[in-house]
Amino acid sequence: MILGRVVGEVWATRKDARLERAKLLIVKPHGWYEPRWSTEHLVAVDDVHAGVGDDVVVCLGQPARWSRGEENVPVDAAVMAIVDRVDLDAGAAQAAHAAPGIRRRWTPPSRWAR
C-alpha cells in the first residue's frame, strides 16, 4: 500500500464493462515513495468517495482487484481509505541506520556473512 494525494479525476465515456460505474482518480504518491512506474502519478479506482485534495491509501495488484468484488477485473490500483491524519517520527526517519518503520540497527543474519 502507498500513501498519496488525489490530484485529479479521469473521465472515460468508453471503458471496460466491469468498470462501468467506477470512479477513476489520479493519485500522486507522497515524496518518500520511489515510483516503480514510468510517471509520478497513478490511476486508481475509487470505492470510498475520495475527492481532489484528499490524502488516500492506495493498494496495488491483487488486493486492488479484490476490492472490486472479483479477481478478473482490469484494475491495478484502488483507493482503500481516506486519511484523516498521519503521525511520523522525524527522529526515526532521519537515523542513518534505520529503514522506514525500523527503530533499531539492522544486522544481517550470520548465514549472509562472506
N, C-alpha and C. Protein backbone atom coordinates (compact mmCIF):
# COMPACT_ATOMS: atom_id res chain seq x y z
N MET A 1 0.85 -1.18 0.00
CA MET A 1 0.00 0.00 0.00
C MET A 1 0.89 1.23 0.00
N ILE A 2 0.37 2.28 -0.58
CA ILE A 2 1.10 3.54 -0.61
C ILE A 2 0.19 4.66 -0.13
N LEU A 3 0.81 5.75 0.26
CA LEU A 3 0.10 6.93 0.71
C LEU A 3 0.29 8.01 -0.34
N GLY A 4 -0.79 8.66 -0.75
CA GLY A 4 -0.69 9.69 -1.77
C GLY A 4 -1.83 10.67 -1.67
N ARG A 5 -1.82 11.65 -2.57
CA ARG A 5 -2.86 12.68 -2.60
C ARG A 5 -3.56 12.64 -3.94
N VAL A 6 -4.88 12.75 -3.90
CA VAL A 6 -5.68 12.79 -5.12
C VAL A 6 -5.47 14.16 -5.76
N VAL A 7 -5.01 14.15 -7.02
CA VAL A 7 -4.74 15.41 -7.72
C VAL A 7 -5.65 15.61 -8.92
N GLY A 8 -6.47 14.64 -9.22
CA GLY A 8 -7.37 14.81 -10.36
C GLY A 8 -8.27 13.61 -10.54
N GLU A 9 -9.10 13.70 -11.56
CA GLU A 9 -10.05 12.64 -11.86
C GLU A 9 -9.97 12.33 -13.34
N VAL A 10 -10.17 11.06 -13.70
CA VAL A 10 -10.15 10.63 -15.10
C VAL A 10 -11.59 10.39 -15.54
N TRP A 11 -11.94 10.95 -16.67
CA TRP A 11 -13.29 10.74 -17.22
C TRP A 11 -13.13 9.93 -18.49
N ALA A 12 -13.84 8.82 -18.59
CA ALA A 12 -13.78 7.96 -19.77
C ALA A 12 -15.20 7.53 -20.12
N THR A 13 -15.66 7.90 -21.30
CA THR A 13 -17.01 7.51 -21.70
C THR A 13 -17.05 6.07 -22.19
N ARG A 14 -15.93 5.58 -22.72
CA ARG A 14 -15.86 4.19 -23.18
C ARG A 14 -14.80 3.48 -22.34
N LYS A 15 -15.24 2.48 -21.60
CA LYS A 15 -14.32 1.70 -20.79
C LYS A 15 -14.86 0.29 -20.64
N ASP A 16 -14.05 -0.58 -20.07
CA ASP A 16 -14.43 -1.97 -19.85
C ASP A 16 -15.75 -2.01 -19.08
N ALA A 17 -16.63 -2.91 -19.46
CA ALA A 17 -17.95 -3.01 -18.84
C ALA A 17 -17.87 -3.25 -17.33
N ARG A 18 -16.82 -3.92 -16.87
CA ARG A 18 -16.67 -4.20 -15.44
C ARG A 18 -16.30 -2.95 -14.64
N LEU A 19 -15.97 -1.88 -15.35
CA LEU A 19 -15.65 -0.61 -14.69
C LEU A 19 -16.71 0.45 -14.98
N GLU A 20 -17.87 0.01 -15.40
CA GLU A 20 -18.93 0.91 -15.86
C GLU A 20 -19.25 2.02 -14.87
N ARG A 21 -19.41 1.72 -13.61
CA ARG A 21 -19.79 2.73 -12.63
C ARG A 21 -18.63 3.13 -11.72
N ALA A 22 -17.42 2.79 -12.13
CA ALA A 22 -16.24 3.08 -11.31
C ALA A 22 -15.76 4.51 -11.52
N LYS A 23 -15.36 5.15 -10.43
CA LYS A 23 -14.77 6.47 -10.48
C LYS A 23 -13.25 6.29 -10.49
N LEU A 24 -12.56 6.95 -11.42
CA LEU A 24 -11.12 6.82 -11.56
C LEU A 24 -10.44 8.11 -11.11
N LEU A 25 -9.48 7.98 -10.20
CA LEU A 25 -8.77 9.14 -9.65
C LEU A 25 -7.29 9.10 -10.01
N ILE A 26 -6.70 10.27 -10.16
CA ILE A 26 -5.26 10.39 -10.36
C ILE A 26 -4.64 10.65 -8.99
N VAL A 27 -3.71 9.79 -8.58
CA VAL A 27 -3.08 9.89 -7.26
C VAL A 27 -1.59 10.11 -7.43
N LYS A 28 -1.07 11.10 -6.71
CA LYS A 28 0.38 11.36 -6.69
C LYS A 28 0.92 10.84 -5.37
N PRO A 29 1.79 9.81 -5.42
CA PRO A 29 2.36 9.28 -4.17
C PRO A 29 3.17 10.37 -3.46
N HIS A 30 3.17 10.32 -2.13
CA HIS A 30 3.95 11.28 -1.36
C HIS A 30 5.43 11.06 -1.59
N GLY A 31 6.22 12.08 -1.36
CA GLY A 31 7.63 12.14 -1.75
C GLY A 31 8.53 11.03 -1.31
N TRP A 32 8.25 10.32 -0.24
CA TRP A 32 9.20 9.31 0.22
C TRP A 32 9.05 7.98 -0.50
N TYR A 33 8.12 7.88 -1.43
CA TYR A 33 7.98 6.66 -2.21
C TYR A 33 8.79 6.76 -3.49
N GLU A 34 9.48 5.69 -3.83
CA GLU A 34 10.19 5.61 -5.09
C GLU A 34 9.25 4.99 -6.11
N PRO A 35 8.74 5.76 -7.06
CA PRO A 35 7.80 5.17 -8.02
C PRO A 35 8.47 4.11 -8.88
N ARG A 36 7.77 3.00 -9.10
CA ARG A 36 8.28 1.92 -9.94
C ARG A 36 7.64 1.95 -11.31
N TRP A 37 6.88 2.96 -11.57
CA TRP A 37 6.22 3.09 -12.86
C TRP A 37 6.86 4.26 -13.59
N SER A 38 6.47 4.50 -14.81
CA SER A 38 7.16 5.47 -15.64
C SER A 38 6.82 6.93 -15.31
N THR A 39 5.74 7.18 -14.61
CA THR A 39 5.39 8.55 -14.27
C THR A 39 5.29 8.69 -12.76
N GLU A 40 5.04 9.88 -12.30
CA GLU A 40 4.92 10.11 -10.87
C GLU A 40 3.49 9.99 -10.37
N HIS A 41 2.55 9.66 -11.25
CA HIS A 41 1.14 9.54 -10.88
C HIS A 41 0.62 8.15 -11.22
N LEU A 42 -0.47 7.78 -10.61
CA LEU A 42 -1.13 6.54 -10.99
C LEU A 42 -2.63 6.76 -10.99
N VAL A 43 -3.33 5.90 -11.70
CA VAL A 43 -4.79 5.97 -11.77
C VAL A 43 -5.33 4.85 -10.88
N ALA A 44 -6.21 5.22 -9.97
CA ALA A 44 -6.77 4.25 -9.03
C ALA A 44 -8.29 4.31 -9.06
N VAL A 45 -8.90 3.15 -8.93
CA VAL A 45 -10.35 3.05 -8.82
C VAL A 45 -10.74 3.50 -7.41
N ASP A 46 -11.79 4.30 -7.31
CA ASP A 46 -12.21 4.84 -6.02
C ASP A 46 -13.50 4.20 -5.56
N ASP A 47 -13.45 3.52 -4.42
CA ASP A 47 -14.65 2.92 -3.83
C ASP A 47 -15.05 3.60 -2.53
N VAL A 48 -14.29 4.62 -2.11
CA VAL A 48 -14.55 5.26 -0.81
C VAL A 48 -14.98 6.72 -0.96
N HIS A 49 -15.25 7.16 -2.18
CA HIS A 49 -15.73 8.52 -2.46
C HIS A 49 -14.74 9.59 -2.06
N ALA A 50 -13.46 9.39 -2.42
CA ALA A 50 -12.44 10.40 -2.19
C ALA A 50 -12.58 11.51 -3.22
N GLY A 51 -11.97 12.63 -2.93
CA GLY A 51 -12.02 13.75 -3.86
C GLY A 51 -10.66 14.40 -4.00
N VAL A 52 -10.57 15.33 -4.93
CA VAL A 52 -9.32 16.04 -5.17
C VAL A 52 -8.88 16.73 -3.88
N GLY A 53 -7.60 16.56 -3.54
CA GLY A 53 -7.04 17.15 -2.33
C GLY A 53 -7.01 16.20 -1.14
N ASP A 54 -7.73 15.08 -1.22
CA ASP A 54 -7.72 14.12 -0.11
C ASP A 54 -6.43 13.30 -0.13
N ASP A 55 -5.89 13.03 1.06
CA ASP A 55 -4.81 12.06 1.20
C ASP A 55 -5.48 10.69 1.29
N VAL A 56 -4.93 9.72 0.56
CA VAL A 56 -5.56 8.41 0.49
C VAL A 56 -4.52 7.30 0.62
N VAL A 57 -5.00 6.12 0.99
CA VAL A 57 -4.19 4.90 0.99
C VAL A 57 -4.61 4.12 -0.25
N VAL A 58 -3.63 3.74 -1.05
CA VAL A 58 -3.89 3.01 -2.30
C VAL A 58 -3.22 1.65 -2.21
N CYS A 59 -3.96 0.61 -2.56
CA CYS A 59 -3.36 -0.72 -2.65
C CYS A 59 -3.16 -1.05 -4.12
N LEU A 60 -2.19 -1.89 -4.37
CA LEU A 60 -1.83 -2.24 -5.74
C LEU A 60 -1.97 -3.74 -5.96
N GLY A 61 -2.18 -4.13 -7.19
CA GLY A 61 -2.18 -5.54 -7.55
C GLY A 61 -3.46 -6.28 -7.20
N GLN A 62 -3.28 -7.53 -6.77
CA GLN A 62 -4.42 -8.41 -6.50
C GLN A 62 -5.39 -7.83 -5.46
N PRO A 63 -4.92 -7.25 -4.34
CA PRO A 63 -5.88 -6.66 -3.39
C PRO A 63 -6.74 -5.56 -4.02
N ALA A 64 -6.19 -4.84 -4.98
CA ALA A 64 -6.98 -3.81 -5.67
C ALA A 64 -8.12 -4.47 -6.46
N ARG A 65 -7.83 -5.59 -7.08
CA ARG A 65 -8.89 -6.30 -7.83
C ARG A 65 -9.93 -6.88 -6.88
N TRP A 66 -9.49 -7.40 -5.73
CA TRP A 66 -10.44 -7.93 -4.75
C TRP A 66 -11.37 -6.84 -4.24
N SER A 67 -10.89 -5.60 -4.19
CA SER A 67 -11.75 -4.52 -3.71
C SER A 67 -12.96 -4.30 -4.61
N ARG A 68 -12.85 -4.73 -5.85
CA ARG A 68 -13.97 -4.60 -6.81
C ARG A 68 -14.91 -5.80 -6.71
N GLY A 69 -14.60 -6.78 -5.85
CA GLY A 69 -15.50 -7.90 -5.64
C GLY A 69 -15.22 -9.11 -6.49
N GLU A 70 -14.19 -9.05 -7.33
CA GLU A 70 -13.82 -10.21 -8.13
C GLU A 70 -12.35 -10.12 -8.49
N GLU A 71 -11.81 -11.22 -8.96
CA GLU A 71 -10.39 -11.25 -9.27
C GLU A 71 -10.08 -10.92 -10.73
N ASN A 72 -11.05 -11.05 -11.60
CA ASN A 72 -10.82 -10.86 -13.03
C ASN A 72 -11.34 -9.49 -13.48
N VAL A 73 -10.69 -8.44 -12.97
CA VAL A 73 -11.07 -7.07 -13.28
C VAL A 73 -9.81 -6.33 -13.74
N PRO A 74 -9.91 -5.47 -14.75
CA PRO A 74 -8.72 -4.76 -15.23
C PRO A 74 -8.36 -3.57 -14.31
N VAL A 75 -7.98 -3.89 -13.08
CA VAL A 75 -7.64 -2.86 -12.09
C VAL A 75 -6.28 -3.20 -11.50
N ASP A 76 -5.41 -2.21 -11.39
CA ASP A 76 -4.11 -2.43 -10.77
C ASP A 76 -3.92 -1.58 -9.52
N ALA A 77 -4.78 -0.59 -9.29
CA ALA A 77 -4.68 0.26 -8.10
C ALA A 77 -6.09 0.64 -7.65
N ALA A 78 -6.29 0.65 -6.32
CA ALA A 78 -7.59 1.01 -5.77
C ALA A 78 -7.41 1.82 -4.50
N VAL A 79 -8.22 2.87 -4.35
CA VAL A 79 -8.21 3.67 -3.13
C VAL A 79 -8.93 2.87 -2.05
N MET A 80 -8.25 2.63 -0.94
CA MET A 80 -8.80 1.81 0.13
C MET A 80 -9.25 2.64 1.34
N ALA A 81 -8.70 3.86 1.50
CA ALA A 81 -9.04 4.66 2.67
C ALA A 81 -8.74 6.12 2.40
N ILE A 82 -9.50 6.98 3.05
CA ILE A 82 -9.21 8.41 3.07
C ILE A 82 -8.53 8.69 4.40
N VAL A 83 -7.37 9.32 4.36
CA VAL A 83 -6.55 9.52 5.55
C VAL A 83 -6.99 10.77 6.29
N ASP A 84 -7.20 10.61 7.60
CA ASP A 84 -7.53 11.76 8.45
C ASP A 84 -6.28 12.44 8.98
N ARG A 85 -5.28 11.62 9.36
CA ARG A 85 -4.07 12.18 9.95
C ARG A 85 -2.92 11.19 9.79
N VAL A 86 -1.71 11.73 9.66
CA VAL A 86 -0.51 10.91 9.60
C VAL A 86 0.45 11.43 10.65
N ASP A 87 0.97 10.54 11.50
CA ASP A 87 1.97 10.90 12.50
C ASP A 87 3.28 10.21 12.13
N LEU A 88 4.34 11.01 11.92
CA LEU A 88 5.64 10.47 11.59
C LEU A 88 6.62 10.78 12.72
N ASP A 89 7.50 9.85 13.03
CA ASP A 89 8.57 10.08 14.00
C ASP A 89 9.77 10.59 13.21
N ALA A 90 9.97 11.91 13.22
CA ALA A 90 11.02 12.51 12.40
C ALA A 90 12.39 12.01 12.81
N GLY A 91 12.62 11.75 14.08
CA GLY A 91 13.92 11.26 14.52
C GLY A 91 14.25 9.90 13.94
N ALA A 92 13.27 9.01 13.90
CA ALA A 92 13.49 7.68 13.35
C ALA A 92 13.72 7.74 11.85
N ALA A 93 13.04 8.63 11.19
CA ALA A 93 13.19 8.75 9.74
C ALA A 93 14.55 9.32 9.36
N GLN A 94 15.17 10.13 10.23
CA GLN A 94 16.45 10.75 9.93
C GLN A 94 17.65 9.87 10.27
N ALA A 95 17.46 8.84 11.11
CA ALA A 95 18.57 7.99 11.51
C ALA A 95 19.17 7.29 10.29
N ALA A 96 20.50 7.34 10.19
CA ALA A 96 21.18 6.78 9.02
C ALA A 96 21.03 5.27 8.92
N HIS A 97 20.87 4.59 10.05
CA HIS A 97 20.83 3.14 10.05
C HIS A 97 19.42 2.57 9.95
N ALA A 98 18.42 3.43 9.96
CA ALA A 98 17.04 2.94 10.05
C ALA A 98 16.34 3.00 8.70
N ALA A 99 15.69 1.93 8.39
CA ALA A 99 14.78 1.92 7.24
C ALA A 99 13.44 2.43 7.73
N PRO A 100 12.51 2.77 6.84
CA PRO A 100 11.21 3.25 7.31
C PRO A 100 10.55 2.25 8.26
N GLY A 101 10.19 2.72 9.45
CA GLY A 101 9.50 1.89 10.41
C GLY A 101 10.40 1.09 11.32
N ILE A 102 11.73 1.12 11.10
CA ILE A 102 12.65 0.36 11.92
C ILE A 102 13.38 1.31 12.86
N ARG A 103 13.36 1.03 14.16
CA ARG A 103 13.96 1.93 15.13
C ARG A 103 15.23 1.36 15.74
N ARG A 104 15.76 0.30 15.21
CA ARG A 104 16.98 -0.29 15.73
C ARG A 104 17.92 -0.59 14.57
N ARG A 105 19.19 -0.71 14.89
CA ARG A 105 20.16 -1.02 13.85
C ARG A 105 19.90 -2.43 13.32
N TRP A 106 19.89 -2.57 12.01
CA TRP A 106 19.66 -3.86 11.38
C TRP A 106 20.99 -4.53 11.13
N THR A 107 21.09 -5.79 11.52
CA THR A 107 22.29 -6.58 11.23
C THR A 107 21.86 -7.80 10.43
N PRO A 108 22.60 -8.11 9.38
CA PRO A 108 22.22 -9.27 8.56
C PRO A 108 22.44 -10.56 9.33
N PRO A 109 21.67 -11.60 9.02
CA PRO A 109 21.88 -12.90 9.65
C PRO A 109 23.29 -13.41 9.36
N SER A 110 23.83 -14.20 10.27
CA SER A 110 25.19 -14.70 10.12
C SER A 110 25.36 -15.55 8.87
N ARG A 111 24.29 -16.18 8.40
CA ARG A 111 24.42 -17.01 7.20
C ARG A 111 24.71 -16.18 5.95
N TRP A 112 24.52 -14.84 6.05
CA TRP A 112 24.82 -13.96 4.92
C TRP A 112 26.27 -13.52 4.91
N ALA A 113 27.00 -13.80 5.99
CA ALA A 113 28.40 -13.36 6.08
C ALA A 113 29.23 -14.03 5.01
N ARG A 114 30.17 -13.32 4.48
CA ARG A 114 31.04 -13.87 3.42
C ARG A 114 32.37 -14.28 3.97
